[in-house]
Amino acid sequence: MKSLKNISWLLVFFSVFTPKFSPAQYPGERKSEREALVRTYIIGKGINDPAVISAMLKVERHLFVPSEIKPFAYHDQPLPIGEEQTISQPSLVAFMTDLLDLKKTDKVLEIGTGSGYQAAILGEIVDSVFSVEINENLGLNAQKLLKKLGYNNIQVKIGDGYIGWAEHAPFNAILVTCAPSDVPKPLQDQLAEGGRMVIPVGEKDKVQELVLLRKHKGKLKQETILPVRFVPMLKENGRRY
């Protein structure tokens, strides 16, 4: 289990862990930009899980954003992806992924597919990812892109993320990228014994709290990690949870 005592999102830490970057290992365009991003904003903020670092180096973020903002793809900032939605800043993607303390054999549920970038990061680390997106346009586009990129271990469903994906439960980890007012009960139920959930909780246009939940003997222990701001979790009628 990871210790959270020395993790702060407001301070920059420098890790003694230095991964070896191999051009052959991480093919694709704009490699030097990804390496600079990882060194400064991933390792530089205290994340040293080799699997997370490897995924952040490998997944090409510029493929997941609209053409007009591709020049900004490796800036550590959220970017608009259409449909009034955003792709989270890379350092936050890495941080939330790291909090899940993932193993290769884990089965992960993601709520809020968006562009598909976070799903791709998860898909580099674990055997199976199930991602739910309520916006049909975003969901279909992400599904098409992930399939094109060869992520056969990622399934995307258009649906209401609040109710999760019960037929594939239980999940070893659940990652939520949109904010409900409270932790959805269906997601709590679909978390496996010993599982972890990372979710932003709070009202729209207010500072929300990123929380980490762990299930032990059927009960959930909740820990508040840091203040964040995410798009709201929506119902099929467009209203927020």
C-alpha atoms as a PDB file:
ATOM      1  CA  MET A   1       0.000   0.000   0.000  1.00  0.00           C
ATOM      2  CA  LYS A   2       1.381   3.389  -0.926  1.00  0.00           C
ATOM      3  CA  SER A   3       2.017   5.928   1.790  1.00  0.00           C
ATOM      4  CA  LEU A   4       0.367   9.300   1.213  1.00  0.00           C
ATOM      5  CA  LYS A   5       2.205  11.114   3.984  1.00  0.00           C
ATOM      6  CA  ASN A   6       4.816  12.653   1.713  1.00  0.00           C
ATOM      7  CA  ILE A   7       2.590  13.367  -1.284  1.00  0.00           C
ATOM      8  CA  SER A   8       1.569  16.985  -1.836  1.00  0.00           C
ATOM      9  CA  TRP A   9       0.020  18.385  -4.984  1.00  0.00           C
ATOM     10  CA  LEU A  10       1.011  21.895  -4.035  1.00  0.00           C
ATOM     11  CA  LEU A  11       4.729  21.261  -3.669  1.00  0.00           C
ATOM     12  CA  VAL A  12       7.259  19.929  -6.131  1.00  0.00           C
ATOM     13  CA  PHE A  13       9.344  16.956  -5.042  1.00  0.00           C
ATOM     14  CA  PHE A  14      12.391  15.531  -6.770  1.00  0.00           C
ATOM     15  CA  SER A  15      12.687  11.771  -6.709  1.00  0.00           C
ATOM     16  CA  VAL A  16      15.914   9.874  -6.472  1.00  0.00           C
ATOM     17  CA  PHE A  17      14.368   7.385  -8.884  1.00  0.00           C
ATOM     18  CA  THR A  18      15.506   8.093 -12.440  1.00  0.00           C
ATOM     19  CA  PRO A  19      13.987   5.918 -15.161  1.00  0.00           C
ATOM     20  CA  LYS A  20      16.018   5.089 -18.233  1.00  0.00           C
ATOM     21  CA  PHE A  21      14.449   6.546 -21.348  1.00  0.00           C
ATOM     22  CA  SER A  22      15.040   4.425 -24.412  1.00  0.00           C
ATOM     23  CA  PRO A  23      13.943   5.804 -27.809  1.00  0.00           C
ATOM     24  CA  ALA A  24      13.406   2.244 -29.009  1.00  0.00           C
ATOM     25  CA  GLN A  25      11.190   1.478 -26.015  1.00  0.00           C
ATOM     26  CA  TYR A  26       8.924   4.486 -26.506  1.00  0.00           C
ATOM     27  CA  PRO A  27       8.376   4.956 -30.255  1.00  0.00           C
ATOM     28  CA  GLY A  28       6.131   7.592 -31.771  1.00  0.00           C
ATOM     29  CA  GLU A  29       6.098  11.299 -32.423  1.00  0.00           C
ATOM     30  CA  ARG A  30       7.100  14.092 -30.037  1.00  0.00           C
ATOM     31  CA  LYS A  31       9.085  11.781 -27.747  1.00  0.00           C
ATOM     32  CA  SER A  32      11.291  14.547 -26.368  1.00  0.00           C
ATOM     33  CA  GLU A  33       8.216  16.534 -25.287  1.00  0.00           C
ATOM     34  CA  ARG A  34       6.804  13.546 -23.436  1.00  0.00           C
ATOM     35  CA  GLU A  35      10.124  12.882 -21.749  1.00  0.00           C
ATOM     36  CA  ALA A  36      10.393  16.506 -20.623  1.00  0.00           C
ATOM     37  CA  LEU A  37       6.833  16.407 -19.307  1.00  0.00           C
ATOM     38  CA  VAL A  38       7.466  13.209 -17.361  1.00  0.00           C
ATOM     39  CA  ARG A  39      10.758  14.399 -15.888  1.00  0.00           C
ATOM     40  CA  THR A  40       9.356  17.739 -14.750  1.00  0.00           C
ATOM     41  CA  TYR A  41       5.742  17.071 -13.823  1.00  0.00           C
ATOM     42  CA  ILE A  42       5.555  13.359 -13.070  1.00  0.00           C
ATOM     43  CA  ILE A  43       8.862  12.348 -11.498  1.00  0.00           C
ATOM     44  CA  GLY A  44       9.297  15.961 -10.391  1.00  0.00           C
ATOM     45  CA  LYS A  45       6.147  15.698  -8.275  1.00  0.00           C
ATOM     46  CA  GLY A  46       7.201  12.534  -6.506  1.00  0.00           C
ATOM     47  CA  ILE A  47       5.640   9.816  -8.666  1.00  0.00           C
ATOM     48  CA  ASN A  48       8.108   6.972  -9.088  1.00  0.00           C
ATOM     49  CA  ASP A  49       6.012   3.912  -9.978  1.00  0.00           C
ATOM     50  CA  PRO A  50       7.801   2.507 -13.055  1.00  0.00           C
ATOM     51  CA  ALA A  51       4.521   1.302 -14.590  1.00  0.00           C
ATOM     52  CA  VAL A  52       2.917   4.748 -14.339  1.00  0.00           C
ATOM     53  CA  ILE A  53       6.012   6.476 -15.691  1.00  0.00           C
ATOM     54  CA  SER A  54       6.271   4.006 -18.567  1.00  0.00           C
ATOM     55  CA  ALA A  55       2.611   4.536 -19.491  1.00  0.00           C
ATOM     56  CA  MET A  56       2.967   8.325 -19.427  1.00  0.00           C
ATOM     57  CA  LEU A  57       6.000   8.083 -21.683  1.00  0.00           C
ATOM     58  CA  LYS A  58       4.359   5.732 -24.144  1.00  0.00           C
ATOM     59  CA  VAL A  59       0.847   7.149 -24.629  1.00  0.00           C
ATOM     60  CA  GLU A  60       0.865   9.979 -27.167  1.00  0.00           C
ATOM     61  CA  ARG A  61      -1.386  12.642 -25.687  1.00  0.00           C
ATOM     62  CA  HIS A  62      -1.461  14.681 -28.891  1.00  0.00           C
ATOM     63  CA  LEU A  63      -3.510  11.910 -30.512  1.00  0.00           C
ATOM     64  CA  PHE A  64      -6.293  12.462 -27.970  1.00  0.00           C
ATOM     65  CA  VAL A  65      -6.883  16.195 -28.449  1.00  0.00           C
ATOM     66  CA  PRO A  66      -8.431  18.222 -31.309  1.00  0.00           C
ATOM     67  CA  SER A  67      -6.074  19.249 -34.104  1.00  0.00           C
ATOM     68  CA  GLU A  68      -6.172  22.952 -33.264  1.00  0.00           C
ATOM     69  CA  ILE A  69      -4.744  22.386 -29.777  1.00  0.00           C
ATOM     70  CA  LYS A  70      -2.221  19.654 -30.581  1.00  0.00           C
ATOM     71  CA  PRO A  71       0.667  22.148 -30.116  1.00  0.00           C
ATOM     72  CA  PHE A  72      -0.313  22.361 -26.419  1.00  0.00           C
ATOM     73  CA  ALA A  73      -0.685  18.609 -25.876  1.00  0.00           C
ATOM     74  CA  TYR A  74       2.464  18.292 -23.734  1.00  0.00           C
ATOM     75  CA  HIS A  75       1.836  21.324 -21.589  1.00  0.00           C
ATOM     76  CA  ASP A  76       0.824  20.281 -18.099  1.00  0.00           C
ATOM     77  CA  GLN A  77      -2.675  21.688 -18.308  1.00  0.00           C
ATOM     78  CA  PRO A  78      -6.237  20.544 -19.007  1.00  0.00           C
ATOM     79  CA  LEU A  79      -7.430  21.088 -22.572  1.00  0.00           C
ATOM     80  CA  PRO A  80     -10.880  21.259 -24.191  1.00  0.00           C
ATOM     81  CA  ILE A  81     -11.924  18.207 -26.211  1.00  0.00           C
ATOM     82  CA  GLY A  82     -15.379  19.379 -27.316  1.00  0.00           C
ATOM     83  CA  GLU A  83     -18.850  18.688 -25.913  1.00  0.00           C
ATOM     84  CA  GLU A  84     -17.986  21.066 -23.022  1.00  0.00           C
ATOM     85  CA  GLN A  85     -15.544  18.479 -21.683  1.00  0.00           C
ATOM     86  CA  THR A  86     -11.809  18.504 -21.023  1.00  0.00           C
ATOM     87  CA  ILE A  87      -8.816  16.199 -20.942  1.00  0.00           C
ATOM     88  CA  SER A  88      -7.138  16.408 -17.523  1.00  0.00           C
ATOM     89  CA  GLN A  89      -3.629  17.735 -17.086  1.00  0.00           C
ATOM     90  CA  PRO A  90      -1.041  14.934 -17.425  1.00  0.00           C
ATOM     91  CA  SER A  91       0.351  15.329 -13.914  1.00  0.00           C
ATOM     92  CA  LEU A  92      -3.116  14.834 -12.432  1.00  0.00           C
ATOM     93  CA  VAL A  93      -3.739  11.806 -14.657  1.00  0.00           C
ATOM     94  CA  ALA A  94      -0.490  10.284 -13.395  1.00  0.00           C
ATOM     95  CA  PHE A  95      -1.230  11.206  -9.783  1.00  0.00           C
ATOM     96  CA  MET A  96      -4.703   9.640  -9.778  1.00  0.00           C
ATOM     97  CA  THR A  97      -3.400   6.535 -11.521  1.00  0.00           C
ATOM     98  CA  ASP A  98      -0.597   6.240  -8.987  1.00  0.00           C
ATOM     99  CA  LEU A  99      -3.070   6.464  -6.088  1.00  0.00           C
ATOM    100  CA  LEU A 100      -4.788   3.293  -7.330  1.00  0.00           C
ATOM    101  CA  ASP A 101      -1.614   1.281  -6.662  1.00  0.00           C
ATOM    102  CA  LEU A 102      -2.336  -0.924  -9.681  1.00  0.00           C
ATOM    103  CA  LYS A 103      -1.168  -4.455 -10.405  1.00  0.00           C
ATOM    104  CA  LYS A 104      -0.928  -5.972 -13.863  1.00  0.00           C
ATOM    105  CA  THR A 105      -3.744  -8.427 -13.127  1.00  0.00           C
ATOM    106  CA  ASP A 106      -6.182  -5.770 -11.894  1.00  0.00           C
ATOM    107  CA  LYS A 107      -9.549  -5.166 -13.540  1.00  0.00           C
ATOM    108  CA  VAL A 108     -10.284  -1.438 -13.609  1.00  0.00           C
ATOM    109  CA  LEU A 109     -13.484   0.536 -14.100  1.00  0.00           C
ATOM    110  CA  GLU A 110     -13.169   4.088 -15.410  1.00  0.00           C
ATOM    111  CA  ILE A 111     -16.100   6.492 -15.248  1.00  0.00           C
ATOM    112  CA  GLY A 112     -15.845   9.297 -17.797  1.00  0.00           C
ATOM    113  CA  THR A 113     -13.960   8.072 -20.869  1.00  0.00           C
ATOM    114  CA  GLY A 114     -13.739  11.529 -22.420  1.00  0.00           C
ATOM    115  CA  SER A 115     -10.980  11.535 -25.026  1.00  0.00           C
ATOM    116  CA  GLY A 116      -9.783   8.051 -24.034  1.00  0.00           C
ATOM    117  CA  TYR A 117      -6.397   9.270 -22.778  1.00  0.00           C
ATOM    118  CA  GLN A 118      -6.816   8.133 -19.166  1.00  0.00           C
ATOM    119  CA  ALA A 119      -8.166   4.781 -20.380  1.00  0.00           C
ATOM    120  CA  ALA A 120      -5.056   4.340 -22.534  1.00  0.00           C
ATOM    121  CA  ILE A 121      -2.799   5.066 -19.543  1.00  0.00           C
ATOM    122  CA  LEU A 122      -4.677   2.442 -17.532  1.00  0.00           C
ATOM    123  CA  GLY A 123      -4.592   0.027 -20.455  1.00  0.00           C
ATOM    124  CA  GLU A 124      -0.794   0.188 -20.518  1.00  0.00           C
ATOM    125  CA  ILE A 125      -0.664  -0.902 -16.871  1.00  0.00           C
ATOM    126  CA  VAL A 126      -3.425  -3.467 -16.307  1.00  0.00           C
ATOM    127  CA  ASP A 127      -4.932  -6.424 -18.160  1.00  0.00           C
ATOM    128  CA  SER A 128      -8.472  -5.093 -18.507  1.00  0.00           C
ATOM    129  CA  VAL A 129     -10.171  -1.696 -18.448  1.00  0.00           C
ATOM    130  CA  PHE A 130     -13.916  -1.037 -18.645  1.00  0.00           C
ATOM    131  CA  SER A 131     -14.744   2.596 -19.366  1.00  0.00           C
ATOM    132  CA  VAL A 132     -18.172   4.270 -19.322  1.00  0.00           C
ATOM    133  CA  GLU A 133     -18.950   7.549 -21.110  1.00  0.00           C
ATOM    134  CA  ILE A 134     -22.369   9.207 -21.049  1.00  0.00           C
ATOM    135  CA  ASN A 135     -21.704  11.470 -24.054  1.00  0.00           C
ATOM    136  CA  GLU A 136     -22.253   9.374 -27.177  1.00  0.00           C
ATOM    137  CA  ASN A 137     -20.021  11.440 -29.473  1.00  0.00           C
ATOM    138  CA  LEU A 138     -17.079  11.358 -27.074  1.00  0.00           C
ATOM    139  CA  GLY A 139     -17.602   7.694 -26.267  1.00  0.00           C
ATOM    140  CA  LEU A 140     -17.733   6.556 -29.881  1.00  0.00           C
ATOM    141  CA  ASN A 141     -14.723   8.669 -30.849  1.00  0.00           C
ATOM    142  CA  ALA A 142     -12.680   7.313 -27.929  1.00  0.00           C
ATOM    143  CA  GLN A 143     -13.758   3.761 -28.716  1.00  0.00           C
ATOM    144  CA  LYS A 144     -12.657   4.152 -32.335  1.00  0.00           C
ATOM    145  CA  LEU A 145      -9.318   5.736 -31.424  1.00  0.00           C
ATOM    146  CA  LEU A 146      -8.455   3.186 -28.740  1.00  0.00           C
ATOM    147  CA  LYS A 147      -9.237   0.343 -31.133  1.00  0.00           C
ATOM    148  CA  LYS A 148      -7.095   1.975 -33.829  1.00  0.00           C
ATOM    149  CA  LEU A 149      -4.211   2.245 -31.365  1.00  0.00           C
ATOM    150  CA  GLY A 150      -4.472  -1.454 -30.528  1.00  0.00           C
ATOM    151  CA  TYR A 151      -5.937  -1.307 -27.021  1.00  0.00           C
ATOM    152  CA  ASN A 152      -7.829  -4.576 -27.207  1.00  0.00           C
ATOM    153  CA  ASN A 153      -7.878  -4.754 -23.407  1.00  0.00           C
ATOM    154  CA  ILE A 154     -10.114  -1.658 -23.144  1.00  0.00           C
ATOM    155  CA  GLN A 155     -13.891  -1.789 -23.521  1.00  0.00           C
ATOM    156  CA  VAL A 156     -15.923   1.407 -23.828  1.00  0.00           C
ATOM    157  CA  LYS A 157     -19.659   1.637 -23.181  1.00  0.00           C
ATOM    158  CA  ILE A 158     -22.018   4.551 -23.738  1.00  0.00           C
ATOM    159  CA  GLY A 159     -24.056   4.861 -20.568  1.00  0.00           C
ATOM    160  CA  ASP A 160     -24.635   6.399 -17.166  1.00  0.00           C
ATOM    161  CA  GLY A 161     -21.430   6.243 -15.184  1.00  0.00           C
ATOM    162  CA  TYR A 162     -23.240   6.668 -11.874  1.00  0.00           C
ATOM    163  CA  ILE A 163     -24.511   3.086 -12.110  1.00  0.00           C
ATOM    164  CA  GLY A 164     -21.127   1.692 -13.200  1.00  0.00           C
ATOM    165  CA  TRP A 165     -20.880  -1.528 -15.202  1.00  0.00           C
ATOM    166  CA  ALA A 166     -22.355  -4.227 -12.985  1.00  0.00           C
ATOM    167  CA  GLU A 167     -21.991  -7.173 -15.347  1.00  0.00           C
ATOM    168  CA  HIS A 168     -18.186  -6.918 -15.150  1.00  0.00           C
ATOM    169  CA  ALA A 169     -17.984  -6.259 -11.403  1.00  0.00           C
ATOM    170  CA  PRO A 170     -16.303  -6.584  -9.020  1.00  0.00           C
ATOM    171  CA  PHE A 171     -13.431  -4.274  -9.949  1.00  0.00           C
ATOM    172  CA  ASN A 172     -10.042  -4.138  -8.241  1.00  0.00           C
ATOM    173  CA  ALA A 173      -9.903  -0.398  -8.867  1.00  0.00           C
ATOM    174  CA  ILE A 174     -12.300   2.336  -9.944  1.00  0.00           C
ATOM    175  CA  LEU A 175     -11.190   5.701 -11.288  1.00  0.00           C
ATOM    176  CA  VAL A 176     -13.743   8.476 -11.757  1.00  0.00           C
ATOM    177  CA  THR A 177     -12.922  11.537 -13.881  1.00  0.00           C
ATOM    178  CA  CYS A 178     -16.102  13.549 -13.287  1.00  0.00           C
ATOM    179  CA  ALA A 179     -17.502  14.831 -10.020  1.00  0.00           C
ATOM    180  CA  PRO A 180     -20.784  13.728  -8.410  1.00  0.00           C
ATOM    181  CA  SER A 181     -22.066  15.379  -5.245  1.00  0.00           C
ATOM    182  CA  ASP A 182     -21.531  12.132  -3.326  1.00  0.00           C
ATOM    183  CA  VAL A 183     -19.803   8.805  -3.967  1.00  0.00           C
ATOM    184  CA  PRO A 184     -22.304   6.721  -6.006  1.00  0.00           C
ATOM    185  CA  LYS A 185     -23.606   3.706  -4.104  1.00  0.00           C
ATOM    186  CA  PRO A 186     -23.464   1.433  -7.203  1.00  0.00           C
ATOM    187  CA  LEU A 187     -19.742   2.141  -7.551  1.00  0.00           C
ATOM    188  CA  GLN A 188     -19.183   1.361  -3.885  1.00  0.00           C
ATOM    189  CA  ASP A 189     -20.952  -1.957  -4.369  1.00  0.00           C
ATOM    190  CA  GLN A 190     -18.945  -2.814  -7.495  1.00  0.00           C
ATOM    191  CA  LEU A 191     -15.586  -2.308  -5.789  1.00  0.00           C
ATOM    192  CA  ALA A 192     -13.933  -5.606  -4.900  1.00  0.00           C
ATOM    193  CA  GLU A 193     -12.725  -6.501  -1.429  1.00  0.00           C
ATOM    194  CA  GLY A 194      -9.323  -4.854  -1.049  1.00  0.00           C
ATOM    195  CA  GLY A 195     -10.137  -2.546  -3.962  1.00  0.00           C
ATOM    196  CA  ARG A 196      -9.370   1.152  -4.313  1.00  0.00           C
ATOM    197  CA  MET A 197     -11.458   3.980  -5.750  1.00  0.00           C
ATOM    198  CA  VAL A 198     -10.264   7.475  -6.654  1.00  0.00           C
ATOM    199  CA  ILE A 199     -13.045   9.993  -7.226  1.00  0.00           C
ATOM    200  CA  PRO A 200     -13.577  13.776  -7.108  1.00  0.00           C
ATOM    201  CA  VAL A 201     -16.598  14.724  -5.013  1.00  0.00           C
ATOM    202  CA  GLY A 202     -18.337  18.074  -4.699  1.00  0.00           C
ATOM    203  CA  GLU A 203     -20.587  20.684  -6.243  1.00  0.00           C
ATOM    204  CA  LYS A 204     -20.157  22.220  -9.700  1.00  0.00           C
ATOM    205  CA  ASP A 205     -18.171  25.485  -9.848  1.00  0.00           C
ATOM    206  CA  LYS A 206     -16.886  24.920  -6.325  1.00  0.00           C
ATOM    207  CA  VAL A 207     -13.677  23.379  -5.076  1.00  0.00           C
ATOM    208  CA  GLN A 208     -14.143  19.631  -4.916  1.00  0.00           C
ATOM    209  CA  GLU A 209     -12.219  17.046  -2.937  1.00  0.00           C
ATOM    210  CA  LEU A 210     -10.333  14.170  -4.517  1.00  0.00           C
ATOM    211  CA  VAL A 211     -10.897  11.192  -2.256  1.00  0.00           C
ATOM    212  CA  LEU A 212      -9.392   7.729  -2.043  1.00  0.00           C
ATOM    213  CA  LEU A 213     -11.594   4.887  -0.818  1.00  0.00           C
ATOM    214  CA  ARG A 214     -10.401   1.418   0.168  1.00  0.00           C
ATOM    215  CA  LYS A 215     -12.701  -1.534   0.823  1.00  0.00           C
ATOM    216  CA  HIS A 216     -11.809  -3.729   3.781  1.00  0.00           C
ATOM    217  CA  LYS A 217     -14.123  -6.430   5.131  1.00  0.00           C
ATOM    218  CA  GLY A 218     -16.954  -4.970   3.102  1.00  0.00           C
ATOM    219  CA  LYS A 219     -16.565  -1.465   4.532  1.00  0.00           C
ATOM    220  CA  LEU A 220     -15.143   1.612   2.859  1.00  0.00           C
ATOM    221  CA  LYS A 221     -12.483   3.777   4.432  1.00  0.00           C
ATOM    222  CA  GLN A 222     -12.368   7.236   2.871  1.00  0.00           C
ATOM    223  CA  GLU A 223      -9.374   9.561   2.803  1.00  0.00           C
ATOM    224  CA  THR A 224      -9.395  13.102   1.446  1.00  0.00           C
ATOM    225  CA  ILE A 225      -6.343  13.717  -0.718  1.00  0.00           C
ATOM    226  CA  LEU A 226      -6.465  17.247  -2.166  1.00  0.00           C
ATOM    227  CA  PRO A 227      -8.726  19.960  -3.609  1.00  0.00           C
ATOM    228  CA  VAL A 228      -9.515  19.622  -7.335  1.00  0.00           C
ATOM    229  CA  ARG A 229     -11.953  20.855  -9.968  1.00  0.00           C
ATOM    230  CA  PHE A 230     -13.562  18.444 -12.425  1.00  0.00           C
ATOM    231  CA  VAL A 231     -16.499  18.581 -14.800  1.00  0.00           C
ATOM    232  CA  PRO A 232     -19.703  17.343 -13.120  1.00  0.00           C
ATOM    233  CA  MET A 233     -21.022  13.789 -13.380  1.00  0.00           C
ATOM    234  CA  LEU A 234     -24.138  14.027 -15.535  1.00  0.00           C
ATOM    235  CA  LYS A 235     -27.371  12.099 -15.860  1.00  0.00           C
ATOM    236  CA  GLU A 236     -28.778  11.105 -19.248  1.00  0.00           C
ATOM    237  CA  ASN A 237     -31.048  14.166 -19.129  1.00  0.00           C
ATOM    238  CA  GLY A 238     -28.022  16.436 -18.801  1.00  0.00           C
ATOM    239  CA  ARG A 239     -28.543  17.283 -15.151  1.00  0.00           C
ATOM    240  CA  ARG A 240     -25.786  16.629 -12.654  1.00  0.00           C
ATOM    241  CA  TYR A 241     -25.623  14.041  -9.901  1.00  0.00           C
END
